[in-house]
Amino acid sequence: MVAVNLAEAKARLSAWVARAEAGETVSITRRGKPVARLVAAEVPREPIDIGKLRALTDKMSMQTESAGEFMRTLRDDARY
């Protein structure tokens, strides 16, 4: 856990939020005493419905060319 004083937290809040988002816990202090803690928010993940995923992929057609050929086509295309 990283401790940072309130003035530093106010001056560089976006940097501290980015560090918290990356998983680090930031303790904000006032006169050396912790007053707040900055942690990443927990975002609940929805479970994957395997049946729906399988139904979706079954509708897709198989790729006719290999991945290598596909990448060569992209690379050699007139866009570049």
C-alpha atoms as a PDB file:
ATOM      1  CA  MET A   1       0.000   0.000   0.000  1.00  0.00           C
ATOM      2  CA  VAL A   2       1.240   3.465  -0.898  1.00  0.00           C
ATOM      3  CA  ALA A   3       0.628   6.384   1.469  1.00  0.00           C
ATOM      4  CA  VAL A   4       0.270   9.886   0.031  1.00  0.00           C
ATOM      5  CA  ASN A   5      -0.594  13.146   1.755  1.00  0.00           C
ATOM      6  CA  LEU A   6      -3.787  14.979   0.918  1.00  0.00           C
ATOM      7  CA  ALA A   7      -2.091  17.834  -0.969  1.00  0.00           C
ATOM      8  CA  GLU A   8      -0.236  15.368  -3.221  1.00  0.00           C
ATOM      9  CA  ALA A   9      -3.438  13.382  -3.778  1.00  0.00           C
ATOM     10  CA  LYS A  10      -5.293  16.519  -4.846  1.00  0.00           C
ATOM     11  CA  ALA A  11      -2.476  17.598  -7.160  1.00  0.00           C
ATOM     12  CA  ARG A  12      -2.138  14.227  -8.924  1.00  0.00           C
ATOM     13  CA  LEU A  13      -5.526  12.583  -8.400  1.00  0.00           C
ATOM     14  CA  SER A  14      -5.782  11.069 -11.882  1.00  0.00           C
ATOM     15  CA  ALA A  15      -2.392   9.362 -11.488  1.00  0.00           C
ATOM     16  CA  TRP A  16      -3.391   7.919  -8.102  1.00  0.00           C
ATOM     17  CA  VAL A  17      -6.724   6.734  -9.500  1.00  0.00           C
ATOM     18  CA  ALA A  18      -4.886   5.009 -12.364  1.00  0.00           C
ATOM     19  CA  ARG A  19      -2.654   3.213  -9.869  1.00  0.00           C
ATOM     20  CA  ALA A  20      -5.682   2.147  -7.829  1.00  0.00           C
ATOM     21  CA  GLU A  21      -7.398   0.956 -10.997  1.00  0.00           C
ATOM     22  CA  ALA A  22      -4.315  -1.167 -11.720  1.00  0.00           C
ATOM     23  CA  GLY A  23      -4.831  -2.934  -8.398  1.00  0.00           C
ATOM     24  CA  GLU A  24      -2.694  -0.910  -6.009  1.00  0.00           C
ATOM     25  CA  THR A  25      -4.174   0.435  -2.775  1.00  0.00           C
ATOM     26  CA  VAL A  26      -3.467   4.116  -2.090  1.00  0.00           C
ATOM     27  CA  SER A  27      -3.841   5.474   1.439  1.00  0.00           C
ATOM     28  CA  ILE A  28      -4.496   9.214   1.680  1.00  0.00           C
ATOM     29  CA  THR A  29      -3.160  10.820   4.835  1.00  0.00           C
ATOM     30  CA  ARG A  30      -3.650  14.112   6.631  1.00  0.00           C
ATOM     31  CA  ARG A  31      -0.776  15.094   8.925  1.00  0.00           C
ATOM     32  CA  GLY A  32       0.568  11.562   8.715  1.00  0.00           C
ATOM     33  CA  LYS A  33      -2.664   9.829   9.745  1.00  0.00           C
ATOM     34  CA  PRO A  34      -4.698   7.792   7.229  1.00  0.00           C
ATOM     35  CA  VAL A  35      -8.056   9.392   6.423  1.00  0.00           C
ATOM     36  CA  ALA A  36      -9.117   7.632   3.218  1.00  0.00           C
ATOM     37  CA  ARG A  37      -8.226   4.657   1.071  1.00  0.00           C
ATOM     38  CA  LEU A  38      -8.357   4.557  -2.729  1.00  0.00           C
ATOM     39  CA  VAL A  39      -9.024   1.085  -4.166  1.00  0.00           C
ATOM     40  CA  ALA A  40     -10.327  -0.226  -7.476  1.00  0.00           C
ATOM     41  CA  ALA A  41     -14.075  -0.722  -7.724  1.00  0.00           C
ATOM     42  CA  GLU A  42     -15.214  -4.316  -8.009  1.00  0.00           C
ATOM     43  CA  VAL A  43     -17.158  -4.779 -11.233  1.00  0.00           C
ATOM     44  CA  PRO A  44     -19.278  -7.919 -11.138  1.00  0.00           C
ATOM     45  CA  ARG A  45     -18.812 -10.109 -14.185  1.00  0.00           C
ATOM     46  CA  GLU A  46     -21.759 -11.729 -15.866  1.00  0.00           C
ATOM     47  CA  PRO A  47     -21.492 -15.486 -16.394  1.00  0.00           C
ATOM     48  CA  ILE A  48     -21.136 -16.659 -19.972  1.00  0.00           C
ATOM     49  CA  ASP A  49     -24.067 -18.672 -21.319  1.00  0.00           C
ATOM     50  CA  ILE A  50     -22.296 -21.511 -23.123  1.00  0.00           C
ATOM     51  CA  GLY A  51     -25.463 -22.498 -24.989  1.00  0.00           C
ATOM     52  CA  LYS A  52     -25.905 -19.013 -26.479  1.00  0.00           C
ATOM     53  CA  LEU A  53     -22.217 -18.811 -27.357  1.00  0.00           C
ATOM     54  CA  ARG A  54     -22.311 -22.199 -29.072  1.00  0.00           C
ATOM     55  CA  ALA A  55     -25.487 -21.252 -30.989  1.00  0.00           C
ATOM     56  CA  LEU A  56     -23.825 -18.050 -32.181  1.00  0.00           C
ATOM     57  CA  THR A  57     -20.616 -19.728 -33.331  1.00  0.00           C
ATOM     58  CA  ASP A  58     -22.526 -22.541 -35.052  1.00  0.00           C
ATOM     59  CA  LYS A  59     -24.152 -19.926 -37.328  1.00  0.00           C
ATOM     60  CA  MET A  60     -20.748 -18.611 -38.456  1.00  0.00           C
ATOM     61  CA  SER A  61     -19.214 -19.981 -41.615  1.00  0.00           C
ATOM     62  CA  MET A  62     -15.726 -21.455 -41.578  1.00  0.00           C
ATOM     63  CA  GLN A  63     -12.914 -19.242 -42.817  1.00  0.00           C
ATOM     64  CA  THR A  64     -11.940 -20.199 -46.370  1.00  0.00           C
ATOM     65  CA  GLU A  65      -8.315 -19.070 -46.233  1.00  0.00           C
ATOM     66  CA  SER A  66      -5.620 -19.751 -43.670  1.00  0.00           C
ATOM     67  CA  ALA A  67      -4.730 -17.160 -41.047  1.00  0.00           C
ATOM     68  CA  GLY A  68      -1.371 -16.617 -42.744  1.00  0.00           C
ATOM     69  CA  GLU A  69      -2.984 -15.912 -46.109  1.00  0.00           C
ATOM     70  CA  PHE A  70      -5.490 -13.601 -44.469  1.00  0.00           C
ATOM     71  CA  MET A  71      -2.693 -11.582 -42.805  1.00  0.00           C
ATOM     72  CA  ARG A  72      -0.707 -11.435 -46.071  1.00  0.00           C
ATOM     73  CA  THR A  73      -3.789 -10.082 -47.828  1.00  0.00           C
ATOM     74  CA  LEU A  74      -4.205  -7.412 -45.166  1.00  0.00           C
ATOM     75  CA  ARG A  75      -0.526  -6.514 -45.345  1.00  0.00           C
ATOM     76  CA  ASP A  76      -0.356  -6.387 -49.141  1.00  0.00           C
ATOM     77  CA  ASP A  77      -3.719  -4.672 -49.589  1.00  0.00           C
ATOM     78  CA  ALA A  78      -3.814  -1.307 -51.348  1.00  0.00           C
ATOM     79  CA  ARG A  79      -4.647   0.436 -48.081  1.00  0.00           C
ATOM     80  CA  TYR A  80      -0.952   0.559 -47.295  1.00  0.00           C
END
